[in-house]
Amino acid sequence: MAVTITQLRAFLAVAEAGSVHLAARRLYVSQPSVSAAISALGKELEVELVERSGRGIRLTPAGEAFLPYAAEVLGLLDQGGQAAQEAARPQRNRIRLVAVTTAGEYLVPPLIDAYRRLHPETELLLEIGNRKTVLDRVASRMADLGIGGRPIARGVTGEPFLENDLVVVAREPVELAQATWLLREEGSGTRATTERFLAELGIVPRAVLTLGSNGAVREALRLGLGIALVSELAVARELESGELVRLAVPGTPIPRPWFALVAEGIEPRPAVRRFLAFLHSEQARAAVTRARHGRGQACA
């Protein structure tokens, strides 16, 4: 089968962008080049991979079935290329991280800062997404390492490295059943945990307000628009200052440790293993503690 890397990259770009035009812009090539690559790939596989959908393009059932395999092949090639470069030039390396929103906003930045002080030769790239995005990126090897909750996807394994408590927070004490509950968007792990938590307590919220980021939830809490089950890390400063209060609710805090997530199979390359070891270190815990209490990183 004469499938090429160019064809796979074009296919993945179209799948993500939903349009040949946007895929061509992402790949810095012409639209006819992308269309030709998709057509040639379909002929090699003897199936139609894409179809028109309004003004855009969507994957056919055959395209959807092929997508995870194409992503994993490209991910493996990218990781293999990086491993070869690091073997030839150990002083230069790169790690692609992907983190769920809470970790990406509050946990990973101080960890990156602390790690770069220890290993300035390492380039760290961070992508932030919901739980599904993180698991998909890790499983397809489009990311070297993920930061999120307990792995629930095939092909992904994880190891806890830091405690993370979920607590119920509000601007002032309020009756749970009468409050408006602030929820994250669909696909968020925190939203799924909140919905299970409310069901276990037998609470049907009087009203809910869906917000698309931790920052939006935090601001809504500060304005008194409702209450929320959130990572204590996300509101540590507000709790410390008294701007928000932690409510004593049965079943809380809910322990939900942070996991370092990697794809199963091939052992991570040395640069990734060093970062994994760092996540379990005292330096990493100290960096997160300083960030939680609003203190800057000490100079190296």
C-alpha atoms as a PDB file:
ATOM      1  CA  MET A   1       0.000   0.000   0.000  1.00  0.00           C
ATOM      2  CA  ALA A   2       1.592   3.282  -1.136  1.00  0.00           C
ATOM      3  CA  VAL A   3       0.161   5.558   1.565  1.00  0.00           C
ATOM      4  CA  THR A   4       2.373   8.619   2.141  1.00  0.00           C
ATOM      5  CA  ILE A   5       2.978  10.864   5.148  1.00  0.00           C
ATOM      6  CA  THR A   6       1.757  13.824   3.089  1.00  0.00           C
ATOM      7  CA  GLN A   7      -1.564  12.081   2.498  1.00  0.00           C
ATOM      8  CA  LEU A   8      -1.972  11.249   6.188  1.00  0.00           C
ATOM      9  CA  ARG A   9      -1.149  14.808   7.273  1.00  0.00           C
ATOM     10  CA  ALA A  10      -3.665  16.213   4.797  1.00  0.00           C
ATOM     11  CA  PHE A  11      -6.335  13.770   5.984  1.00  0.00           C
ATOM     12  CA  LEU A  12      -5.803  14.651   9.650  1.00  0.00           C
ATOM     13  CA  ALA A  13      -5.796  18.372   8.908  1.00  0.00           C
ATOM     14  CA  VAL A  14      -9.116  18.123   7.041  1.00  0.00           C
ATOM     15  CA  ALA A  15     -10.601  15.972   9.824  1.00  0.00           C
ATOM     16  CA  GLU A  16      -9.673  18.580  12.439  1.00  0.00           C
ATOM     17  CA  ALA A  17     -10.494  21.692  10.411  1.00  0.00           C
ATOM     18  CA  GLY A  18     -13.652  20.460   8.666  1.00  0.00           C
ATOM     19  CA  SER A  19     -12.620  22.247   5.499  1.00  0.00           C
ATOM     20  CA  VAL A  20     -10.024  21.902   2.744  1.00  0.00           C
ATOM     21  CA  HIS A  21      -9.407  25.646   2.821  1.00  0.00           C
ATOM     22  CA  LEU A  22      -8.580  25.719   6.547  1.00  0.00           C
ATOM     23  CA  ALA A  23      -6.542  22.512   6.297  1.00  0.00           C
ATOM     24  CA  ALA A  24      -4.454  24.027   3.486  1.00  0.00           C
ATOM     25  CA  ARG A  25      -3.798  27.135   5.583  1.00  0.00           C
ATOM     26  CA  ARG A  26      -2.664  25.008   8.529  1.00  0.00           C
ATOM     27  CA  LEU A  27      -0.330  22.973   6.332  1.00  0.00           C
ATOM     28  CA  TYR A  28       0.927  26.006   4.322  1.00  0.00           C
ATOM     29  CA  VAL A  29       0.065  24.348   1.028  1.00  0.00           C
ATOM     30  CA  SER A  30      -2.504  24.970  -1.717  1.00  0.00           C
ATOM     31  CA  GLN A  31      -6.086  23.724  -1.557  1.00  0.00           C
ATOM     32  CA  PRO A  32      -5.644  21.593  -4.699  1.00  0.00           C
ATOM     33  CA  SER A  33      -2.679  19.877  -3.003  1.00  0.00           C
ATOM     34  CA  VAL A  34      -4.828  18.914  -0.019  1.00  0.00           C
ATOM     35  CA  SER A  35      -7.692  17.730  -2.223  1.00  0.00           C
ATOM     36  CA  ALA A  36      -5.307  15.653  -4.348  1.00  0.00           C
ATOM     37  CA  ALA A  37      -3.756  14.049  -1.254  1.00  0.00           C
ATOM     38  CA  ILE A  38      -7.165  13.112   0.183  1.00  0.00           C
ATOM     39  CA  SER A  39      -8.288  11.711  -3.168  1.00  0.00           C
ATOM     40  CA  ALA A  40      -5.108   9.650  -3.583  1.00  0.00           C
ATOM     41  CA  LEU A  41      -5.418   8.288  -0.030  1.00  0.00           C
ATOM     42  CA  GLY A  42      -9.010   7.246  -0.668  1.00  0.00           C
ATOM     43  CA  LYS A  43      -7.991   5.444  -3.833  1.00  0.00           C
ATOM     44  CA  GLU A  44      -5.243   3.572  -1.997  1.00  0.00           C
ATOM     45  CA  LEU A  45      -7.726   2.471   0.679  1.00  0.00           C
ATOM     46  CA  GLU A  46     -10.489   1.918  -1.900  1.00  0.00           C
ATOM     47  CA  VAL A  47     -13.016   3.926   0.116  1.00  0.00           C
ATOM     48  CA  GLU A  48     -14.427   7.456   0.243  1.00  0.00           C
ATOM     49  CA  LEU A  49     -12.923   9.176   3.278  1.00  0.00           C
ATOM     50  CA  VAL A  50     -14.724  12.548   3.153  1.00  0.00           C
ATOM     51  CA  GLU A  51     -18.000  13.989   1.940  1.00  0.00           C
ATOM     52  CA  ARG A  52     -19.563  17.396   1.556  1.00  0.00           C
ATOM     53  CA  SER A  53     -21.435  18.843   4.515  1.00  0.00           C
ATOM     54  CA  GLY A  54     -22.910  22.259   3.817  1.00  0.00           C
ATOM     55  CA  ARG A  55     -19.986  24.532   3.032  1.00  0.00           C
ATOM     56  CA  GLY A  56     -17.490  22.238   4.693  1.00  0.00           C
ATOM     57  CA  ILE A  57     -16.362  18.634   4.655  1.00  0.00           C
ATOM     58  CA  ARG A  58     -16.926  15.824   7.118  1.00  0.00           C
ATOM     59  CA  LEU A  59     -15.557  12.322   7.413  1.00  0.00           C
ATOM     60  CA  THR A  60     -17.533   9.389   6.081  1.00  0.00           C
ATOM     61  CA  PRO A  61     -17.989   6.349   8.355  1.00  0.00           C
ATOM     62  CA  ALA A  62     -14.914   4.891   6.614  1.00  0.00           C
ATOM     63  CA  GLY A  63     -12.978   8.075   7.336  1.00  0.00           C
ATOM     64  CA  GLU A  64     -14.007   8.018  10.992  1.00  0.00           C
ATOM     65  CA  ALA A  65     -12.855   4.407  11.262  1.00  0.00           C
ATOM     66  CA  PHE A  66      -9.487   5.226   9.664  1.00  0.00           C
ATOM     67  CA  LEU A  67      -8.842   8.411  11.673  1.00  0.00           C
ATOM     68  CA  PRO A  68      -7.372   6.952  14.918  1.00  0.00           C
ATOM     69  CA  TYR A  69      -5.009   4.718  12.938  1.00  0.00           C
ATOM     70  CA  ALA A  70      -3.770   7.624  10.818  1.00  0.00           C
ATOM     71  CA  ALA A  71      -3.265   9.755  13.929  1.00  0.00           C
ATOM     72  CA  GLU A  72      -1.294   7.027  15.702  1.00  0.00           C
ATOM     73  CA  VAL A  73       0.951   6.395  12.678  1.00  0.00           C
ATOM     74  CA  LEU A  74       1.835  10.099  12.444  1.00  0.00           C
ATOM     75  CA  GLY A  75       2.250  10.333  16.210  1.00  0.00           C
ATOM     76  CA  LEU A  76       4.654   7.400  16.229  1.00  0.00           C
ATOM     77  CA  LEU A  77       6.650   8.883  13.361  1.00  0.00           C
ATOM     78  CA  ASP A  78       6.870  12.255  15.094  1.00  0.00           C
ATOM     79  CA  GLN A  79       7.958  10.644  18.375  1.00  0.00           C
ATOM     80  CA  GLY A  80      10.441   8.424  16.563  1.00  0.00           C
ATOM     81  CA  GLY A  81      11.932  11.397  14.754  1.00  0.00           C
ATOM     82  CA  GLN A  82      12.259  13.300  18.015  1.00  0.00           C
ATOM     83  CA  ALA A  83      13.911  10.277  19.670  1.00  0.00           C
ATOM     84  CA  ALA A  84      16.446  10.074  16.815  1.00  0.00           C
ATOM     85  CA  GLN A  85      17.236  13.804  17.074  1.00  0.00           C
ATOM     86  CA  GLU A  86      17.713  13.579  20.834  1.00  0.00           C
ATOM     87  CA  ALA A  87      20.001  10.566  20.455  1.00  0.00           C
ATOM     88  CA  ALA A  88      22.149  12.557  18.027  1.00  0.00           C
ATOM     89  CA  ARG A  89      21.961  15.819  20.025  1.00  0.00           C
ATOM     90  CA  PRO A  90      21.228  15.001  23.703  1.00  0.00           C
ATOM     91  CA  GLN A  91      21.643  18.650  24.676  1.00  0.00           C
ATOM     92  CA  ARG A  92      18.471  19.599  22.764  1.00  0.00           C
ATOM     93  CA  ASN A  93      15.055  18.050  23.306  1.00  0.00           C
ATOM     94  CA  ARG A  94      11.362  18.835  23.134  1.00  0.00           C
ATOM     95  CA  ILE A  95       8.343  17.569  25.070  1.00  0.00           C
ATOM     96  CA  ARG A  96       4.746  18.001  23.890  1.00  0.00           C
ATOM     97  CA  LEU A  97       2.360  18.243  26.834  1.00  0.00           C
ATOM     98  CA  VAL A  98      -1.428  18.199  26.795  1.00  0.00           C
ATOM     99  CA  ALA A  99      -3.463  18.997  29.918  1.00  0.00           C
ATOM    100  CA  VAL A 100      -7.085  19.207  30.975  1.00  0.00           C
ATOM    101  CA  THR A 101      -8.248  22.772  31.483  1.00  0.00           C
ATOM    102  CA  THR A 102      -7.840  23.002  35.268  1.00  0.00           C
ATOM    103  CA  ALA A 103      -4.350  21.516  35.164  1.00  0.00           C
ATOM    104  CA  GLY A 104      -3.402  23.600  32.131  1.00  0.00           C
ATOM    105  CA  GLU A 105      -4.440  26.827  33.803  1.00  0.00           C
ATOM    106  CA  TYR A 106      -3.228  26.334  37.382  1.00  0.00           C
ATOM    107  CA  LEU A 107      -0.953  23.304  37.710  1.00  0.00           C
ATOM    108  CA  VAL A 108       1.223  22.940  34.629  1.00  0.00           C
ATOM    109  CA  PRO A 109       2.532  26.538  34.231  1.00  0.00           C
ATOM    110  CA  PRO A 110       4.446  26.555  37.565  1.00  0.00           C
ATOM    111  CA  LEU A 111       5.694  23.047  36.800  1.00  0.00           C
ATOM    112  CA  ILE A 112       6.988  24.164  33.402  1.00  0.00           C
ATOM    113  CA  ASP A 113       8.664  27.188  34.972  1.00  0.00           C
ATOM    114  CA  ALA A 114      10.380  25.064  37.615  1.00  0.00           C
ATOM    115  CA  TYR A 115      11.456  22.416  35.107  1.00  0.00           C
ATOM    116  CA  ARG A 116      12.925  24.937  32.683  1.00  0.00           C
ATOM    117  CA  ARG A 117      15.068  26.324  35.479  1.00  0.00           C
ATOM    118  CA  LEU A 118      16.461  22.833  36.033  1.00  0.00           C
ATOM    119  CA  HIS A 119      16.673  21.902  32.327  1.00  0.00           C
ATOM    120  CA  PRO A 120      16.898  25.072  30.193  1.00  0.00           C
ATOM    121  CA  GLU A 121      17.807  22.975  27.142  1.00  0.00           C
ATOM    122  CA  THR A 122      14.327  21.415  27.044  1.00  0.00           C
ATOM    123  CA  GLU A 123      11.562  22.970  24.956  1.00  0.00           C
ATOM    124  CA  LEU A 124       8.133  22.393  26.509  1.00  0.00           C
ATOM    125  CA  LEU A 125       4.997  22.786  24.396  1.00  0.00           C
ATOM    126  CA  LEU A 126       1.587  22.862  26.098  1.00  0.00           C
ATOM    127  CA  GLU A 127      -1.865  22.224  24.626  1.00  0.00           C
ATOM    128  CA  ILE A 128      -5.000  22.573  26.756  1.00  0.00           C
ATOM    129  CA  GLY A 129      -8.247  20.708  26.135  1.00  0.00           C
ATOM    130  CA  ASN A 130     -11.036  18.735  27.763  1.00  0.00           C
ATOM    131  CA  ARG A 131     -10.630  15.174  29.024  1.00  0.00           C
ATOM    132  CA  LYS A 132     -11.453  13.581  25.653  1.00  0.00           C
ATOM    133  CA  THR A 133      -8.928  15.764  23.830  1.00  0.00           C
ATOM    134  CA  VAL A 134      -6.205  14.874  26.324  1.00  0.00           C
ATOM    135  CA  LEU A 135      -6.851  11.133  26.092  1.00  0.00           C
ATOM    136  CA  ASP A 136      -7.077  11.243  22.285  1.00  0.00           C
ATOM    137  CA  ARG A 137      -3.804  13.180  21.964  1.00  0.00           C
ATOM    138  CA  VAL A 138      -1.958  10.809  24.274  1.00  0.00           C
ATOM    139  CA  ALA A 139      -3.411   7.632  22.732  1.00  0.00           C
ATOM    140  CA  SER A 140      -2.539   8.810  19.203  1.00  0.00           C
ATOM    141  CA  ARG A 141       0.950   9.902  20.360  1.00  0.00           C
ATOM    142  CA  MET A 142       0.323  13.415  19.112  1.00  0.00           C
ATOM    143  CA  ALA A 143       1.391  14.413  22.639  1.00  0.00           C
ATOM    144  CA  ASP A 144       4.250  12.874  24.603  1.00  0.00           C
ATOM    145  CA  LEU A 145       2.615  13.293  27.991  1.00  0.00           C
ATOM    146  CA  GLY A 146      -0.807  14.199  29.317  1.00  0.00           C
ATOM    147  CA  ILE A 147      -1.868  15.712  32.647  1.00  0.00           C
ATOM    148  CA  GLY A 148      -5.378  14.902  33.810  1.00  0.00           C
ATOM    149  CA  GLY A 149      -7.538  12.598  35.868  1.00  0.00           C
ATOM    150  CA  ARG A 150      -7.484   8.818  36.049  1.00  0.00           C
ATOM    151  CA  PRO A 151      -7.071   7.337  32.540  1.00  0.00           C
ATOM    152  CA  ILE A 152     -10.253   5.798  31.149  1.00  0.00           C
ATOM    153  CA  ALA A 153      -9.215   5.187  27.538  1.00  0.00           C
ATOM    154  CA  ARG A 154      -7.702   2.145  25.893  1.00  0.00           C
ATOM    155  CA  GLY A 155      -4.063   2.581  25.005  1.00  0.00           C
ATOM    156  CA  VAL A 156      -3.420   5.121  27.784  1.00  0.00           C
ATOM    157  CA  THR A 157      -1.839   4.411  31.125  1.00  0.00           C
ATOM    158  CA  GLY A 158      -1.250   6.788  34.020  1.00  0.00           C
ATOM    159  CA  GLU A 159       0.410   7.268  37.348  1.00  0.00           C
ATOM    160  CA  PRO A 160      -0.778   9.666  40.095  1.00  0.00           C
ATOM    161  CA  PHE A 161       1.791  12.272  41.064  1.00  0.00           C
ATOM    162  CA  LEU A 162      -0.028  14.993  43.026  1.00  0.00           C
ATOM    163  CA  GLU A 163      -3.127  15.210  45.206  1.00  0.00           C
ATOM    164  CA  ASN A 164      -6.080  17.220  43.928  1.00  0.00           C
ATOM    165  CA  ASP A 165      -9.171  17.775  46.094  1.00  0.00           C
ATOM    166  CA  LEU A 166     -12.542  18.845  44.707  1.00  0.00           C
ATOM    167  CA  VAL A 167     -14.486  21.059  47.114  1.00  0.00           C
ATOM    168  CA  VAL A 168     -17.823  22.897  47.085  1.00  0.00           C
ATOM    169  CA  VAL A 169     -17.241  26.644  47.021  1.00  0.00           C
ATOM    170  CA  ALA A 170     -19.446  29.733  47.174  1.00  0.00           C
ATOM    171  CA  ARG A 171     -19.219  33.424  48.031  1.00  0.00           C
ATOM    172  CA  GLU A 172     -21.216  32.758  51.198  1.00  0.00           C
ATOM    173  CA  PRO A 173     -23.008  29.806  52.833  1.00  0.00           C
ATOM    174  CA  VAL A 174     -26.108  28.715  50.918  1.00  0.00           C
ATOM    175  CA  GLU A 175     -28.624  25.848  50.844  1.00  0.00           C
ATOM    176  CA  LEU A 176     -27.355  23.353  48.255  1.00  0.00           C
ATOM    177  CA  ALA A 177     -30.727  22.421  46.767  1.00  0.00           C
ATOM    178  CA  GLN A 178     -31.760  26.051  46.423  1.00  0.00           C
ATOM    179  CA  ALA A 179     -28.550  27.297  44.834  1.00  0.00           C
ATOM    180  CA  THR A 180     -27.654  27.754  41.200  1.00  0.00           C
ATOM    181  CA  TRP A 181     -24.907  25.261  40.364  1.00  0.00           C
ATOM    182  CA  LEU A 182     -22.101  26.420  38.101  1.00  0.00           C
ATOM    183  CA  LEU A 183     -21.074  23.683  35.687  1.00  0.00           C
ATOM    184  CA  ARG A 184     -18.291  23.366  33.146  1.00  0.00           C
ATOM    185  CA  GLU A 185     -19.036  22.526  29.508  1.00  0.00           C
ATOM    186  CA  GLU A 186     -19.926  19.052  28.236  1.00  0.00           C
ATOM    187  CA  GLY A 187     -16.826  16.876  27.994  1.00  0.00           C
ATOM    188  CA  SER A 188     -15.267  18.348  31.119  1.00  0.00           C
ATOM    189  CA  GLY A 189     -14.206  15.815  33.725  1.00  0.00           C
ATOM    190  CA  THR A 190     -15.185  18.227  36.503  1.00  0.00           C
ATOM    191  CA  ARG A 191     -18.720  18.508  35.092  1.00  0.00           C
ATOM    192  CA  ALA A 192     -19.085  14.727  34.965  1.00  0.00           C
ATOM    193  CA  THR A 193     -17.885  14.458  38.571  1.00  0.00           C
ATOM    194  CA  THR A 194     -20.297  17.210  39.670  1.00  0.00           C
ATOM    195  CA  GLU A 195     -23.262  15.478  38.028  1.00  0.00           C
ATOM    196  CA  ARG A 196     -22.393  12.167  39.736  1.00  0.00           C
ATOM    197  CA  PHE A 197     -21.887  13.992  43.049  1.00  0.00           C
ATOM    198  CA  LEU A 198     -25.310  15.697  42.889  1.00  0.00           C
ATOM    199  CA  ALA A 199     -26.995  12.416  41.945  1.00  0.00           C
ATOM    200  CA  GLU A 200     -25.386  10.640  44.899  1.00  0.00           C
ATOM    201  CA  LEU A 201     -26.657  13.382  47.249  1.00  0.00           C
ATOM    202  CA  GLY A 202     -30.114  13.258  45.649  1.00  0.00           C
ATOM    203  CA  ILE A 203     -29.937  16.940  44.758  1.00  0.00           C
ATOM    204  CA  VAL A 204     -31.767  18.306  41.725  1.00  0.00           C
ATOM    205  CA  PRO A 205     -30.396  21.857  41.292  1.00  0.00           C
ATOM    206  CA  ARG A 206     -32.920  24.668  41.218  1.00  0.00           C
ATOM    207  CA  ALA A 207     -30.955  26.070  38.294  1.00  0.00           C
ATOM    208  CA  VAL A 208     -27.650  25.481  36.520  1.00  0.00           C
ATOM    209  CA  LEU A 209     -25.312  27.822  34.677  1.00  0.00           C
ATOM    210  CA  THR A 210     -22.845  26.325  32.191  1.00  0.00           C
ATOM    211  CA  LEU A 211     -19.529  28.126  31.794  1.00  0.00           C
ATOM    212  CA  GLY A 212     -16.706  27.366  29.390  1.00  0.00           C
ATOM    213  CA  SER A 213     -13.617  27.829  31.534  1.00  0.00           C
ATOM    214  CA  ASN A 214     -12.334  27.710  35.093  1.00  0.00           C
ATOM    215  CA  GLY A 215     -11.763  31.443  34.965  1.00  0.00           C
ATOM    216  CA  ALA A 216     -15.422  32.023  34.143  1.00  0.00           C
ATOM    217  CA  VAL A 217     -16.517  29.725  36.990  1.00  0.00           C
ATOM    218  CA  ARG A 218     -14.227  31.518  39.426  1.00  0.00           C
ATOM    219  CA  GLU A 219     -15.558  34.953  38.419  1.00  0.00           C
ATOM    220  CA  ALA A 220     -19.154  33.731  38.688  1.00  0.00           C
ATOM    221  CA  LEU A 221     -18.399  32.443  42.185  1.00  0.00           C
ATOM    222  CA  ARG A 222     -16.898  35.788  43.175  1.00  0.00           C
ATOM    223  CA  LEU A 223     -19.999  37.573  41.877  1.00  0.00           C
ATOM    224  CA  GLY A 224     -22.271  35.270  43.880  1.00  0.00           C
ATOM    225  CA  LEU A 225     -23.960  33.791  40.807  1.00  0.00           C
ATOM    226  CA  GLY A 226     -23.938  30.281  42.233  1.00  0.00           C
ATOM    227  CA  ILE A 227     -21.915  27.511  43.839  1.00  0.00           C
ATOM    228  CA  ALA A 228     -19.596  24.957  42.289  1.00  0.00           C
ATOM    229  CA  LEU A 229     -17.629  21.792  42.866  1.00  0.00           C
ATOM    230  CA  VAL A 230     -14.136  22.820  41.812  1.00  0.00           C
ATOM    231  CA  SER A 231     -10.518  21.882  42.239  1.00  0.00           C
ATOM    232  CA  GLU A 232      -9.234  23.522  45.398  1.00  0.00           C
ATOM    233  CA  LEU A 233      -6.172  24.511  43.385  1.00  0.00           C
ATOM    234  CA  ALA A 234      -8.286  26.697  41.077  1.00  0.00           C
ATOM    235  CA  VAL A 235      -9.634  28.840  43.937  1.00  0.00           C
ATOM    236  CA  ALA A 236      -6.802  28.563  46.480  1.00  0.00           C
ATOM    237  CA  ARG A 237      -6.050  32.295  46.570  1.00  0.00           C
ATOM    238  CA  GLU A 238      -9.715  33.272  46.920  1.00  0.00           C
ATOM    239  CA  LEU A 239     -10.206  30.778  49.762  1.00  0.00           C
ATOM    240  CA  GLU A 240      -7.068  32.029  51.493  1.00  0.00           C
ATOM    241  CA  SER A 241      -8.196  35.670  51.244  1.00  0.00           C
ATOM    242  CA  GLY A 242     -11.748  34.883  52.399  1.00  0.00           C
ATOM    243  CA  GLU A 243     -13.272  36.107  49.152  1.00  0.00           C
ATOM    244  CA  LEU A 244     -14.790  32.636  48.736  1.00  0.00           C
ATOM    245  CA  VAL A 245     -15.739  30.052  51.347  1.00  0.00           C
ATOM    246  CA  ARG A 246     -15.548  26.282  51.318  1.00  0.00           C
ATOM    247  CA  LEU A 247     -18.859  24.655  52.222  1.00  0.00           C
ATOM    248  CA  ALA A 248     -18.939  21.656  54.547  1.00  0.00           C
ATOM    249  CA  VAL A 249     -20.773  19.171  52.342  1.00  0.00           C
ATOM    250  CA  PRO A 250     -21.004  15.413  53.043  1.00  0.00           C
ATOM    251  CA  GLY A 251     -18.692  13.456  50.783  1.00  0.00           C
ATOM    252  CA  THR A 252     -16.251  16.299  50.287  1.00  0.00           C
ATOM    253  CA  PRO A 253     -13.473  16.884  49.683  1.00  0.00           C
ATOM    254  CA  ILE A 254     -13.428  14.445  46.775  1.00  0.00           C
ATOM    255  CA  PRO A 255      -9.891  13.168  46.183  1.00  0.00           C
ATOM    256  CA  ARG A 256      -9.097  13.272  42.463  1.00  0.00           C
ATOM    257  CA  PRO A 257      -5.314  13.069  42.076  1.00  0.00           C
ATOM    258  CA  TRP A 258      -3.510  14.378  39.037  1.00  0.00           C
ATOM    259  CA  PHE A 259      -2.187  11.644  36.751  1.00  0.00           C
ATOM    260  CA  ALA A 260       0.711  11.735  34.329  1.00  0.00           C
ATOM    261  CA  LEU A 261      -0.630  10.010  31.201  1.00  0.00           C
ATOM    262  CA  VAL A 262       1.372   8.241  28.502  1.00  0.00           C
ATOM    263  CA  ALA A 263       0.574   5.923  25.617  1.00  0.00           C
ATOM    264  CA  GLU A 264       0.992   2.218  26.243  1.00  0.00           C
ATOM    265  CA  GLY A 265       3.542   0.248  24.277  1.00  0.00           C
ATOM    266  CA  ILE A 266       6.843   1.897  23.426  1.00  0.00           C
ATOM    267  CA  GLU A 267       8.668   3.248  26.483  1.00  0.00           C
ATOM    268  CA  PRO A 268       8.818   7.065  26.596  1.00  0.00           C
ATOM    269  CA  ARG A 269      12.099   8.491  25.380  1.00  0.00           C
ATOM    270  CA  PRO A 270      14.687   9.769  27.919  1.00  0.00           C
ATOM    271  CA  ALA A 271      13.561  13.420  27.873  1.00  0.00           C
ATOM    272  CA  VAL A 272       9.982  12.411  28.702  1.00  0.00           C
ATOM    273  CA  ARG A 273      11.146  10.023  31.431  1.00  0.00           C
ATOM    274  CA  ARG A 274      13.123  12.860  33.043  1.00  0.00           C
ATOM    275  CA  PHE A 275      10.017  15.042  33.098  1.00  0.00           C
ATOM    276  CA  LEU A 276       7.980  12.182  34.574  1.00  0.00           C
ATOM    277  CA  ALA A 277      10.557  11.796  37.340  1.00  0.00           C
ATOM    278  CA  PHE A 278      10.417  15.544  37.974  1.00  0.00           C
ATOM    279  CA  LEU A 279       6.629  15.413  38.461  1.00  0.00           C
ATOM    280  CA  HIS A 280       7.196  13.123  41.462  1.00  0.00           C
ATOM    281  CA  SER A 281       9.933  15.332  42.939  1.00  0.00           C
ATOM    282  CA  GLU A 282       9.958  17.718  45.868  1.00  0.00           C
ATOM    283  CA  GLN A 283      10.851  20.552  43.459  1.00  0.00           C
ATOM    284  CA  ALA A 284       7.578  20.010  41.599  1.00  0.00           C
ATOM    285  CA  ARG A 285       5.487  19.979  44.775  1.00  0.00           C
ATOM    286  CA  ALA A 286       7.248  23.127  46.015  1.00  0.00           C
ATOM    287  CA  ALA A 287       6.575  24.934  42.723  1.00  0.00           C
ATOM    288  CA  VAL A 288       2.856  24.148  42.915  1.00  0.00           C
ATOM    289  CA  THR A 289       2.694  25.208  46.574  1.00  0.00           C
ATOM    290  CA  ARG A 290       4.323  28.560  45.785  1.00  0.00           C
ATOM    291  CA  ALA A 291       1.909  29.173  42.916  1.00  0.00           C
ATOM    292  CA  ARG A 292      -1.086  28.201  45.068  1.00  0.00           C
ATOM    293  CA  HIS A 293      -0.230  30.825  47.634  1.00  0.00           C
ATOM    294  CA  GLY A 294       0.631  33.494  45.087  1.00  0.00           C
ATOM    295  CA  ARG A 295       4.373  33.558  45.644  1.00  0.00           C
ATOM    296  CA  GLY A 296       6.765  33.768  42.759  1.00  0.00           C
ATOM    297  CA  GLN A 297       9.328  31.128  41.921  1.00  0.00           C
ATOM    298  CA  ALA A 298      12.610  31.544  43.738  1.00  0.00           C
ATOM    299  CA  CYS A 299      15.486  32.444  41.453  1.00  0.00           C
ATOM    300  CA  ALA A 300      17.877  29.645  40.606  1.00  0.00           C
END
